Amino acid sequence: AKASDATVATNYAITVEVNKEDTLLLVTTDAQAEALRRLNLYKVQRYIYSFDSDLSLLLIGLGDYIQVTYPRYGLDTSQIAQVVSINIDWFKNTISFGVLA
């Protein structure tokens, strides 16, 4: 199955055909639904923001959702983001987070 969006292809100058992925889907309607689901997932531009904190946020784990507010980058009204990376520095007592928004 195949799904496409001409606006996204134009905005991001996509000129190559993507590689086909093997699946175990046997029904065409299921394959088309999956293709559309993946298109909708990947056509939205997302960013990974990083920030440092003290160890008070130690209980936040990978995959958790947090609310991010910052006066720049369109985050002034706050946005829900998912934690995708955590790096703990025990010597400096800091945690670095990467969040997908």
Protein backbone atom coordinates (compact mmCIF):
# COMPACT_ATOMS: atom_id res chain seq x y z
CA ALA A 1 0.00 0.00 0.00
CA LYS A 2 1.08 3.55 -0.56
CA ALA A 3 0.19 6.92 0.95
CA SER A 4 1.55 10.31 -0.07
CA ASP A 5 1.09 14.00 0.60
CA ALA A 6 2.16 16.39 -2.16
CA THR A 7 2.32 19.38 0.21
CA VAL A 8 4.80 17.65 2.51
CA ALA A 9 6.89 16.48 -0.44
CA THR A 10 7.04 20.04 -1.80
CA ASN A 11 7.77 21.67 1.58
CA TYR A 12 10.69 19.35 2.33
CA ALA A 13 11.94 18.89 -1.26
CA ILE A 14 11.40 15.14 -1.19
CA THR A 15 12.18 13.78 -4.64
CA VAL A 16 13.18 10.18 -3.95
CA GLU A 17 10.86 7.27 -3.47
CA VAL A 18 11.05 5.81 0.04
CA ASN A 19 12.10 2.21 0.55
CA LYS A 20 9.34 -0.33 0.89
CA GLU A 21 9.03 -2.03 4.26
CA ASP A 22 8.10 -5.67 4.60
CA THR A 23 5.13 -6.32 6.84
CA LEU A 24 2.90 -9.23 7.71
CA LEU A 25 -0.26 -7.40 6.66
CA LEU A 26 -2.28 -9.55 4.27
CA VAL A 27 -5.39 -7.43 3.70
CA THR A 28 -5.02 -4.43 1.41
CA THR A 29 -7.25 -2.20 3.54
CA ASP A 30 -5.12 -2.95 6.62
CA ALA A 31 -1.94 -2.14 4.68
CA GLN A 32 -3.46 1.11 3.39
CA ALA A 33 -4.54 2.09 6.90
CA GLU A 34 -1.01 1.43 8.19
CA ALA A 35 0.52 3.46 5.35
CA LEU A 36 -1.78 6.37 6.16
CA ARG A 37 -1.00 6.08 9.88
CA ARG A 38 2.76 6.25 9.18
CA LEU A 39 2.31 9.17 6.79
CA ASN A 40 0.38 11.12 9.43
CA LEU A 41 3.02 10.27 12.04
CA TYR A 42 6.02 11.39 9.99
CA LYS A 43 4.64 14.35 8.05
CA VAL A 44 4.57 16.59 11.12
CA GLN A 45 7.90 18.32 11.82
CA ARG A 46 9.08 17.58 15.34
CA TYR A 47 12.01 18.84 17.39
CA ILE A 48 14.13 17.41 20.17
CA TYR A 49 14.81 20.00 22.86
CA SER A 50 17.41 19.46 25.56
CA PHE A 51 17.73 21.00 28.99
CA ASP A 52 19.63 20.44 32.22
CA SER A 53 18.19 20.14 35.69
CA ASP A 54 19.25 19.29 39.19
CA LEU A 55 18.57 15.87 40.64
CA SER A 56 15.07 16.90 41.81
CA LEU A 57 13.75 15.48 38.50
CA LEU A 58 15.40 12.10 39.02
CA LEU A 59 12.06 10.26 39.01
CA ILE A 60 11.27 11.27 35.42
CA GLY A 61 11.92 8.31 33.11
CA LEU A 62 12.22 7.57 29.42
CA GLY A 63 8.86 7.73 27.70
CA ASP A 64 7.32 9.98 30.35
CA TYR A 65 5.42 13.05 29.21
CA ILE A 66 6.28 16.44 30.66
CA GLN A 67 5.04 19.98 30.13
CA VAL A 68 7.72 22.27 28.68
CA THR A 69 7.51 26.06 28.90
CA TYR A 70 10.19 28.42 27.59
CA PRO A 71 9.98 31.99 26.28
CA ARG A 72 11.43 31.02 22.87
CA TYR A 73 11.01 28.40 20.14
CA GLY A 74 7.23 28.50 20.29
CA LEU A 75 7.16 27.04 23.79
CA ASP A 76 5.89 30.19 25.51
CA THR A 77 2.38 28.73 25.77
CA SER A 78 3.84 25.39 26.99
CA GLN A 79 3.78 22.13 25.12
CA ILE A 80 3.54 18.48 26.08
CA ALA A 81 6.77 16.63 25.23
CA GLN A 82 7.99 13.05 25.58
CA VAL A 83 11.32 12.28 27.26
CA VAL A 84 13.56 10.52 24.72
CA SER A 85 16.97 10.75 26.40
CA ILE A 86 18.36 11.05 29.91
CA ASN A 87 21.97 11.57 30.91
CA ILE A 88 22.84 11.73 34.62
CA ASP A 89 26.07 13.39 35.74
CA TRP A 90 26.61 12.24 39.33
CA PHE A 91 29.73 14.40 39.74
CA LYS A 92 27.90 17.65 38.92
CA ASN A 93 24.55 16.47 40.39
CA THR A 94 22.74 17.32 37.15
CA ILE A 95 20.47 15.54 34.69
CA SER A 96 20.31 16.32 30.97
CA PHE A 97 16.99 15.57 29.29
CA GLY A 98 16.10 15.33 25.63
CA VAL A 99 12.40 15.75 24.91
CA LEU A 100 10.48 15.28 21.67
CA ALA A 101 7.92 17.99 21.04
